[in-house]
Amino acid sequence: MNDIASKVRRRLHRMYCSLFRWNTGVCPICERKVRFIEFDSWLRDNYRCSGCFSIPRLRAVVDTVKQFYPSWKSLDIHESSPNKMAASRFLKAQCVKYSSSQYYIDVPRGEYKDGHRSEDLTALTFADNSFDILITQDVFEHVMEPQLAFKEIARVLKPGGAHIFSMPWYPKLEKSRRRADLRDGEIVFLMEPVYHGNPVDRKKGSLVTMDWGLDFTDFVLQASGLQTTIYLQRDRSKGLDGEFLEVFVSRKIQ
């Protein structure tokens, strides 16, 4: 069934190529020559690969992993809150030591559901120095206690390892602002609530808790000791263009 769906999707892409702007290139995920098609002017969600249908931020994360860790396929990689999109599927298929976890409210920490381990980023059950790379894709705008999550990630990374992640970043915002807080077990909305898609709860979605600003790297350093590089590459030959394309690489030096 998946093969049939893929064939139909490819045929539709060929048809769409006559209606929309596109350019050729090599997709970091497909690793083959494809067409990158602009279905809408909002490229973040609509600049699609004709092969895997990936969007720019997914390609950016995969390309960054490859650039910073060329031997990534043999490393211990853990992804927290993977989605069902192309990047997570690619990482799982290509990395022999790939593992994943989701935040399940109804599953005890350390147990498994649907092939994922139940984990809370703010209180991970993994041992110290467990992973070479920990990946999160558009997760940290939803974490209620990000300082604890960054500290935990630093703990489970091996020396020389890195947290490689994407999230919406607003460099024109001098100071990061909290949109929602947790007080006495209840969510308090400090701004108009905004929700994004959630692979575990598609109906309810994920509440946006933070708008990250210019002080973001200092926040990570103070919370975890990790030093963060902001990596931005615009290269249409890789399908890398659009909004919120930055990838963050927070390294554990010791």
C-alpha atoms as a PDB file:
ATOM      1  CA  MET A   1       0.000   0.000   0.000  1.00  0.00           C
ATOM      2  CA  ASN A   2       2.855   2.365   0.841  1.00  0.00           C
ATOM      3  CA  ASP A   3       4.482   1.655  -2.531  1.00  0.00           C
ATOM      4  CA  ILE A   4       1.246   2.525  -4.337  1.00  0.00           C
ATOM      5  CA  ALA A   5       0.892   5.730  -2.322  1.00  0.00           C
ATOM      6  CA  SER A   6       4.483   6.679  -3.135  1.00  0.00           C
ATOM      7  CA  LYS A   7       3.926   6.144  -6.858  1.00  0.00           C
ATOM      8  CA  VAL A   8       0.767   8.248  -6.801  1.00  0.00           C
ATOM      9  CA  ARG A   9       2.562  10.984  -4.885  1.00  0.00           C
ATOM     10  CA  ARG A  10       5.430  11.046  -7.381  1.00  0.00           C
ATOM     11  CA  ARG A  11       2.982  11.313 -10.285  1.00  0.00           C
ATOM     12  CA  LEU A  12       1.218  14.183  -8.584  1.00  0.00           C
ATOM     13  CA  HIS A  13       4.562  15.917  -8.067  1.00  0.00           C
ATOM     14  CA  ARG A  14       5.347  15.666 -11.767  1.00  0.00           C
ATOM     15  CA  MET A  15       2.000  17.240 -12.533  1.00  0.00           C
ATOM     16  CA  TYR A  16       2.524  19.982  -9.962  1.00  0.00           C
ATOM     17  CA  CYS A  17       5.920  20.831 -11.459  1.00  0.00           C
ATOM     18  CA  SER A  18       4.088  22.383 -14.403  1.00  0.00           C
ATOM     19  CA  LEU A  19       2.092  24.620 -12.031  1.00  0.00           C
ATOM     20  CA  PHE A  20       4.628  25.745  -9.396  1.00  0.00           C
ATOM     21  CA  ARG A  21       8.181  27.089  -9.203  1.00  0.00           C
ATOM     22  CA  TRP A  22      10.853  24.466  -8.622  1.00  0.00           C
ATOM     23  CA  ASN A  23      14.567  23.790  -8.795  1.00  0.00           C
ATOM     24  CA  THR A  24      16.637  20.652  -9.029  1.00  0.00           C
ATOM     25  CA  GLY A  25      19.116  19.481  -6.427  1.00  0.00           C
ATOM     26  CA  VAL A  26      20.177  16.603  -4.193  1.00  0.00           C
ATOM     27  CA  CYS A  27      18.040  16.033  -1.109  1.00  0.00           C
ATOM     28  CA  PRO A  28      20.021  15.429   2.119  1.00  0.00           C
ATOM     29  CA  ILE A  29      17.368  12.868   3.099  1.00  0.00           C
ATOM     30  CA  CYS A  30      16.665  11.131  -0.229  1.00  0.00           C
ATOM     31  CA  GLU A  31      20.342  11.417  -1.175  1.00  0.00           C
ATOM     32  CA  ARG A  32      19.346  11.557  -4.820  1.00  0.00           C
ATOM     33  CA  LYS A  33      18.613  14.145  -7.489  1.00  0.00           C
ATOM     34  CA  VAL A  34      15.108  15.542  -7.023  1.00  0.00           C
ATOM     35  CA  ARG A  35      12.949  18.572  -7.645  1.00  0.00           C
ATOM     36  CA  PHE A  36      12.290  21.002  -4.799  1.00  0.00           C
ATOM     37  CA  ILE A  37       8.850  22.480  -5.410  1.00  0.00           C
ATOM     38  CA  GLU A  38       7.429  25.706  -3.958  1.00  0.00           C
ATOM     39  CA  PHE A  39       3.762  24.983  -3.304  1.00  0.00           C
ATOM     40  CA  ASP A  40       3.356  28.278  -1.429  1.00  0.00           C
ATOM     41  CA  SER A  41       5.391  31.381  -0.596  1.00  0.00           C
ATOM     42  CA  TRP A  42       5.678  30.184   3.049  1.00  0.00           C
ATOM     43  CA  LEU A  43       8.638  27.949   2.292  1.00  0.00           C
ATOM     44  CA  ARG A  44       8.994  26.518   5.805  1.00  0.00           C
ATOM     45  CA  ASP A  45       6.065  24.180   5.248  1.00  0.00           C
ATOM     46  CA  ASN A  46       5.665  24.264   1.480  1.00  0.00           C
ATOM     47  CA  TYR A  47       9.112  23.922  -0.173  1.00  0.00           C
ATOM     48  CA  ARG A  48       8.852  20.184  -0.715  1.00  0.00           C
ATOM     49  CA  CYS A  49      11.143  17.464  -2.003  1.00  0.00           C
ATOM     50  CA  SER A  50       9.623  15.512  -4.897  1.00  0.00           C
ATOM     51  CA  GLY A  51      11.149  12.290  -3.575  1.00  0.00           C
ATOM     52  CA  CYS A  52      10.404  12.140   0.165  1.00  0.00           C
ATOM     53  CA  PHE A  53       8.079  15.162   0.444  1.00  0.00           C
ATOM     54  CA  SER A  54      10.296  16.592   3.203  1.00  0.00           C
ATOM     55  CA  ILE A  55      10.230  20.252   4.226  1.00  0.00           C
ATOM     56  CA  PRO A  56      13.316  22.484   4.670  1.00  0.00           C
ATOM     57  CA  ARG A  57      13.773  22.196   8.442  1.00  0.00           C
ATOM     58  CA  LEU A  58      13.873  18.396   8.219  1.00  0.00           C
ATOM     59  CA  ARG A  59      16.521  18.532   5.515  1.00  0.00           C
ATOM     60  CA  ALA A  60      18.454  21.093   7.559  1.00  0.00           C
ATOM     61  CA  VAL A  61      18.592  18.853  10.640  1.00  0.00           C
ATOM     62  CA  VAL A  62      19.782  15.830   8.657  1.00  0.00           C
ATOM     63  CA  ASP A  63      22.352  17.889   6.757  1.00  0.00           C
ATOM     64  CA  THR A  64      23.681  19.344  10.026  1.00  0.00           C
ATOM     65  CA  VAL A  65      24.079  15.876  11.560  1.00  0.00           C
ATOM     66  CA  LYS A  66      26.081  14.846   8.488  1.00  0.00           C
ATOM     67  CA  GLN A  67      28.232  17.992   8.535  1.00  0.00           C
ATOM     68  CA  PHE A  68      29.145  17.910  12.231  1.00  0.00           C
ATOM     69  CA  TYR A  69      29.349  14.117  12.682  1.00  0.00           C
ATOM     70  CA  PRO A  70      30.409  12.386   9.425  1.00  0.00           C
ATOM     71  CA  SER A  71      30.456   8.973  11.167  1.00  0.00           C
ATOM     72  CA  TRP A  72      26.899   9.455  12.464  1.00  0.00           C
ATOM     73  CA  LYS A  73      25.612   6.145  11.102  1.00  0.00           C
ATOM     74  CA  SER A  74      27.671   4.202  13.656  1.00  0.00           C
ATOM     75  CA  LEU A  75      27.073   6.506  16.623  1.00  0.00           C
ATOM     76  CA  ASP A  76      24.625   6.213  19.519  1.00  0.00           C
ATOM     77  CA  ILE A  77      21.812   8.532  18.438  1.00  0.00           C
ATOM     78  CA  HIS A  78      18.646   9.128  20.414  1.00  0.00           C
ATOM     79  CA  GLU A  79      15.714  11.160  19.136  1.00  0.00           C
ATOM     80  CA  SER A  80      13.167  12.557  21.536  1.00  0.00           C
ATOM     81  CA  SER A  81       9.626  13.017  20.213  1.00  0.00           C
ATOM     82  CA  PRO A  82      10.256  11.888  16.623  1.00  0.00           C
ATOM     83  CA  ASN A  83       7.551  12.626  14.101  1.00  0.00           C
ATOM     84  CA  LYS A  84       6.437  10.381  11.255  1.00  0.00           C
ATOM     85  CA  MET A  85       8.047  12.601   8.647  1.00  0.00           C
ATOM     86  CA  ALA A  86      11.040  11.919   6.424  1.00  0.00           C
ATOM     87  CA  ALA A  87      13.924  12.953   8.701  1.00  0.00           C
ATOM     88  CA  SER A  88      13.050  10.643  11.592  1.00  0.00           C
ATOM     89  CA  ARG A  89      12.409   7.743   9.225  1.00  0.00           C
ATOM     90  CA  PHE A  90      15.750   8.340   7.511  1.00  0.00           C
ATOM     91  CA  LEU A  91      17.728   8.529  10.761  1.00  0.00           C
ATOM     92  CA  LYS A  92      16.121   5.349  12.065  1.00  0.00           C
ATOM     93  CA  ALA A  93      16.804   3.468   8.824  1.00  0.00           C
ATOM     94  CA  GLN A  94      20.420   4.584   8.454  1.00  0.00           C
ATOM     95  CA  CYS A  95      21.772   4.653  12.024  1.00  0.00           C
ATOM     96  CA  VAL A  96      22.355   1.195  13.505  1.00  0.00           C
ATOM     97  CA  LYS A  97      22.230   2.505  17.104  1.00  0.00           C
ATOM     98  CA  TYR A  98      19.254   4.815  16.694  1.00  0.00           C
ATOM     99  CA  SER A  99      16.684   4.878  19.494  1.00  0.00           C
ATOM    100  CA  SER A 100      13.662   7.039  20.180  1.00  0.00           C
ATOM    101  CA  SER A 101      11.319   8.151  22.929  1.00  0.00           C
ATOM    102  CA  GLN A 102       8.002   9.937  23.299  1.00  0.00           C
ATOM    103  CA  TYR A 103       6.353  11.726  26.180  1.00  0.00           C
ATOM    104  CA  TYR A 104       3.501   9.382  27.074  1.00  0.00           C
ATOM    105  CA  ILE A 105       1.368  10.478  29.997  1.00  0.00           C
ATOM    106  CA  ASP A 106      -0.130   6.992  30.427  1.00  0.00           C
ATOM    107  CA  VAL A 107       3.073   4.893  30.177  1.00  0.00           C
ATOM    108  CA  PRO A 108       5.623   4.517  33.034  1.00  0.00           C
ATOM    109  CA  ARG A 109       9.035   5.974  32.261  1.00  0.00           C
ATOM    110  CA  GLY A 110      11.413   3.454  30.712  1.00  0.00           C
ATOM    111  CA  GLU A 111       8.655   1.257  29.290  1.00  0.00           C
ATOM    112  CA  TYR A 112       7.734   1.078  25.600  1.00  0.00           C
ATOM    113  CA  LYS A 113       4.717   1.912  23.482  1.00  0.00           C
ATOM    114  CA  ASP A 114       4.445   1.774  19.680  1.00  0.00           C
ATOM    115  CA  GLY A 115       8.188   1.137  19.431  1.00  0.00           C
ATOM    116  CA  HIS A 116       9.160   4.229  21.442  1.00  0.00           C
ATOM    117  CA  ARG A 117      10.453   4.418  24.986  1.00  0.00           C
ATOM    118  CA  SER A 118       8.406   6.507  27.404  1.00  0.00           C
ATOM    119  CA  GLU A 119      10.545   9.419  28.610  1.00  0.00           C
ATOM    120  CA  ASP A 120      10.244  12.915  30.042  1.00  0.00           C
ATOM    121  CA  LEU A 121      12.983  15.270  28.829  1.00  0.00           C
ATOM    122  CA  THR A 122      13.073  16.943  32.220  1.00  0.00           C
ATOM    123  CA  ALA A 123      13.741  13.644  34.060  1.00  0.00           C
ATOM    124  CA  LEU A 124      15.319  11.108  31.713  1.00  0.00           C
ATOM    125  CA  THR A 125      15.840   7.530  32.911  1.00  0.00           C
ATOM    126  CA  PHE A 126      18.997   6.971  30.826  1.00  0.00           C
ATOM    127  CA  ALA A 127      22.406   6.589  32.443  1.00  0.00           C
ATOM    128  CA  ASP A 128      25.002   9.352  32.313  1.00  0.00           C
ATOM    129  CA  ASN A 129      27.046   9.555  29.089  1.00  0.00           C
ATOM    130  CA  SER A 130      24.665   7.367  27.067  1.00  0.00           C
ATOM    131  CA  PHE A 131      24.528   9.080  23.662  1.00  0.00           C
ATOM    132  CA  ASP A 132      26.782  10.685  21.075  1.00  0.00           C
ATOM    133  CA  ILE A 133      23.919  12.714  19.628  1.00  0.00           C
ATOM    134  CA  LEU A 134      20.484  13.594  20.966  1.00  0.00           C
ATOM    135  CA  ILE A 135      18.059  15.032  18.424  1.00  0.00           C
ATOM    136  CA  THR A 136      14.887  17.037  18.924  1.00  0.00           C
ATOM    137  CA  GLN A 137      12.907  18.507  16.044  1.00  0.00           C
ATOM    138  CA  ASP A 138      10.688  21.452  16.976  1.00  0.00           C
ATOM    139  CA  VAL A 139      10.259  20.282  20.559  1.00  0.00           C
ATOM    140  CA  PHE A 140      11.731  23.002  22.778  1.00  0.00           C
ATOM    141  CA  GLU A 141       9.051  25.563  22.080  1.00  0.00           C
ATOM    142  CA  HIS A 142       6.724  23.129  23.893  1.00  0.00           C
ATOM    143  CA  VAL A 143       8.757  22.188  26.997  1.00  0.00           C
ATOM    144  CA  MET A 144       7.321  23.615  30.214  1.00  0.00           C
ATOM    145  CA  GLU A 145      10.609  23.450  32.163  1.00  0.00           C
ATOM    146  CA  PRO A 146      13.318  23.844  29.497  1.00  0.00           C
ATOM    147  CA  GLN A 147      16.120  24.487  31.990  1.00  0.00           C
ATOM    148  CA  LEU A 148      15.633  20.994  33.436  1.00  0.00           C
ATOM    149  CA  ALA A 149      15.447  19.440  29.971  1.00  0.00           C
ATOM    150  CA  PHE A 150      18.705  21.019  28.794  1.00  0.00           C
ATOM    151  CA  LYS A 151      20.410  19.907  32.015  1.00  0.00           C
ATOM    152  CA  GLU A 152      19.192  16.334  31.543  1.00  0.00           C
ATOM    153  CA  ILE A 153      20.295  16.252  27.918  1.00  0.00           C
ATOM    154  CA  ALA A 154      23.782  17.386  28.951  1.00  0.00           C
ATOM    155  CA  ARG A 155      23.876  14.595  31.548  1.00  0.00           C
ATOM    156  CA  VAL A 156      23.060  11.784  29.101  1.00  0.00           C
ATOM    157  CA  LEU A 157      25.402  13.029  26.349  1.00  0.00           C
ATOM    158  CA  LYS A 158      28.864  11.537  26.086  1.00  0.00           C
ATOM    159  CA  PRO A 159      31.835  13.918  26.252  1.00  0.00           C
ATOM    160  CA  GLY A 160      32.179  15.396  22.769  1.00  0.00           C
ATOM    161  CA  GLY A 161      28.534  14.652  22.038  1.00  0.00           C
ATOM    162  CA  ALA A 162      25.882  17.118  20.987  1.00  0.00           C
ATOM    163  CA  HIS A 163      22.241  18.017  21.175  1.00  0.00           C
ATOM    164  CA  ILE A 164      21.247  18.812  17.566  1.00  0.00           C
ATOM    165  CA  PHE A 165      17.845  20.416  17.259  1.00  0.00           C
ATOM    166  CA  SER A 166      15.453  22.726  15.473  1.00  0.00           C
ATOM    167  CA  MET A 167      12.847  25.111  16.858  1.00  0.00           C
ATOM    168  CA  PRO A 168      11.347  28.479  15.957  1.00  0.00           C
ATOM    169  CA  TRP A 169      13.844  31.188  16.936  1.00  0.00           C
ATOM    170  CA  TYR A 170      13.183  34.932  17.045  1.00  0.00           C
ATOM    171  CA  PRO A 171      16.552  36.786  17.069  1.00  0.00           C
ATOM    172  CA  LYS A 172      14.744  40.161  16.967  1.00  0.00           C
ATOM    173  CA  LEU A 173      13.312  39.280  20.364  1.00  0.00           C
ATOM    174  CA  GLU A 174      16.013  40.450  22.791  1.00  0.00           C
ATOM    175  CA  LYS A 175      14.788  38.281  25.653  1.00  0.00           C
ATOM    176  CA  SER A 176      12.983  34.947  25.404  1.00  0.00           C
ATOM    177  CA  ARG A 177       9.408  35.100  26.658  1.00  0.00           C
ATOM    178  CA  ARG A 178       7.277  32.489  28.338  1.00  0.00           C
ATOM    179  CA  ARG A 179       3.813  31.951  26.868  1.00  0.00           C
ATOM    180  CA  ALA A 180       2.542  29.486  29.474  1.00  0.00           C
ATOM    181  CA  ASP A 181       3.624  28.317  32.918  1.00  0.00           C
ATOM    182  CA  LEU A 182       2.823  25.438  35.259  1.00  0.00           C
ATOM    183  CA  ARG A 183       1.715  26.504  38.734  1.00  0.00           C
ATOM    184  CA  ASP A 184       0.489  24.043  41.374  1.00  0.00           C
ATOM    185  CA  GLY A 185      -0.076  21.484  38.636  1.00  0.00           C
ATOM    186  CA  GLU A 186      -2.229  23.824  36.551  1.00  0.00           C
ATOM    187  CA  ILE A 187      -1.335  25.497  33.245  1.00  0.00           C
ATOM    188  CA  VAL A 188      -1.406  29.283  33.430  1.00  0.00           C
ATOM    189  CA  PHE A 189      -1.593  31.103  30.105  1.00  0.00           C
ATOM    190  CA  LEU A 190       0.569  34.219  30.042  1.00  0.00           C
ATOM    191  CA  MET A 191      -0.235  34.949  26.397  1.00  0.00           C
ATOM    192  CA  GLU A 192      -2.855  33.851  23.894  1.00  0.00           C
ATOM    193  CA  PRO A 193      -2.474  30.035  23.658  1.00  0.00           C
ATOM    194  CA  VAL A 194      -0.935  28.628  20.490  1.00  0.00           C
ATOM    195  CA  TYR A 195      -0.815  24.939  19.606  1.00  0.00           C
ATOM    196  CA  HIS A 196       1.324  22.997  17.120  1.00  0.00           C
ATOM    197  CA  GLY A 197       0.964  19.467  15.795  1.00  0.00           C
ATOM    198  CA  ASN A 198       1.708  16.583  18.149  1.00  0.00           C
ATOM    199  CA  PRO A 199       2.595  13.086  16.819  1.00  0.00           C
ATOM    200  CA  VAL A 200       1.253  11.504  20.028  1.00  0.00           C
ATOM    201  CA  ASP A 201      -1.909  13.599  20.399  1.00  0.00           C
ATOM    202  CA  ARG A 202      -2.973  14.896  16.996  1.00  0.00           C
ATOM    203  CA  LYS A 203      -6.380  16.048  18.232  1.00  0.00           C
ATOM    204  CA  LYS A 204      -5.182  18.230  21.106  1.00  0.00           C
ATOM    205  CA  GLY A 205      -1.784  19.284  19.753  1.00  0.00           C
ATOM    206  CA  SER A 206       1.200  20.685  21.668  1.00  0.00           C
ATOM    207  CA  LEU A 207       0.959  23.952  23.561  1.00  0.00           C
ATOM    208  CA  VAL A 208       3.667  26.507  22.731  1.00  0.00           C
ATOM    209  CA  THR A 209       5.264  27.456  26.051  1.00  0.00           C
ATOM    210  CA  MET A 210       8.237  29.584  24.894  1.00  0.00           C
ATOM    211  CA  ASP A 211       9.160  32.133  22.256  1.00  0.00           C
ATOM    212  CA  TRP A 212      12.949  31.822  22.129  1.00  0.00           C
ATOM    213  CA  GLY A 213      14.881  35.039  21.580  1.00  0.00           C
ATOM    214  CA  LEU A 214      18.409  36.384  21.260  1.00  0.00           C
ATOM    215  CA  ASP A 215      19.402  35.269  24.780  1.00  0.00           C
ATOM    216  CA  PHE A 216      18.715  31.623  23.954  1.00  0.00           C
ATOM    217  CA  THR A 217      22.336  30.385  23.819  1.00  0.00           C
ATOM    218  CA  ASP A 218      23.050  31.982  27.222  1.00  0.00           C
ATOM    219  CA  PHE A 219      19.994  30.210  28.630  1.00  0.00           C
ATOM    220  CA  VAL A 220      21.303  26.834  27.408  1.00  0.00           C
ATOM    221  CA  LEU A 221      24.808  27.494  28.767  1.00  0.00           C
ATOM    222  CA  GLN A 222      23.562  28.511  32.209  1.00  0.00           C
ATOM    223  CA  ALA A 223      21.131  25.577  32.423  1.00  0.00           C
ATOM    224  CA  SER A 224      23.409  22.825  31.137  1.00  0.00           C
ATOM    225  CA  GLY A 225      26.973  23.977  30.485  1.00  0.00           C
ATOM    226  CA  LEU A 226      26.506  23.143  26.787  1.00  0.00           C
ATOM    227  CA  GLN A 227      27.979  25.575  24.264  1.00  0.00           C
ATOM    228  CA  THR A 228      25.648  26.243  21.354  1.00  0.00           C
ATOM    229  CA  THR A 229      26.420  26.949  17.710  1.00  0.00           C
ATOM    230  CA  ILE A 230      23.635  28.381  15.569  1.00  0.00           C
ATOM    231  CA  TYR A 231      24.021  26.809  12.137  1.00  0.00           C
ATOM    232  CA  LEU A 232      22.196  28.373   9.204  1.00  0.00           C
ATOM    233  CA  GLN A 233      22.690  27.219   5.635  1.00  0.00           C
ATOM    234  CA  ARG A 234      20.678  28.459   2.656  1.00  0.00           C
ATOM    235  CA  ASP A 235      21.449  26.271  -0.317  1.00  0.00           C
ATOM    236  CA  ARG A 236      18.761  25.565  -2.869  1.00  0.00           C
ATOM    237  CA  SER A 237      20.795  22.732  -4.340  1.00  0.00           C
ATOM    238  CA  LYS A 238      19.971  20.943  -1.056  1.00  0.00           C
ATOM    239  CA  GLY A 239      16.458  22.360  -0.770  1.00  0.00           C
ATOM    240  CA  LEU A 240      17.540  24.550   2.154  1.00  0.00           C
ATOM    241  CA  ASP A 241      15.607  27.800   2.164  1.00  0.00           C
ATOM    242  CA  GLY A 242      12.723  29.378   4.015  1.00  0.00           C
ATOM    243  CA  GLU A 243      11.771  30.572   7.465  1.00  0.00           C
ATOM    244  CA  PHE A 244      13.092  29.266  10.828  1.00  0.00           C
ATOM    245  CA  LEU A 245      15.809  27.259   9.085  1.00  0.00           C
ATOM    246  CA  GLU A 246      18.360  27.501  11.896  1.00  0.00           C
ATOM    247  CA  VAL A 247      19.690  24.311  13.456  1.00  0.00           C
ATOM    248  CA  PHE A 248      21.235  24.447  16.935  1.00  0.00           C
ATOM    249  CA  VAL A 249      24.215  22.341  17.954  1.00  0.00           C
ATOM    250  CA  SER A 250      24.838  22.329  21.729  1.00  0.00           C
ATOM    251  CA  ARG A 251      28.077  20.503  22.484  1.00  0.00           C
ATOM    252  CA  LYS A 252      29.293  18.783  25.622  1.00  0.00           C
ATOM    253  CA  ILE A 253      32.939  19.708  25.793  1.00  0.00           C
ATOM    254  CA  GLN A 254      33.847  17.495  28.760  1.00  0.00           C
END
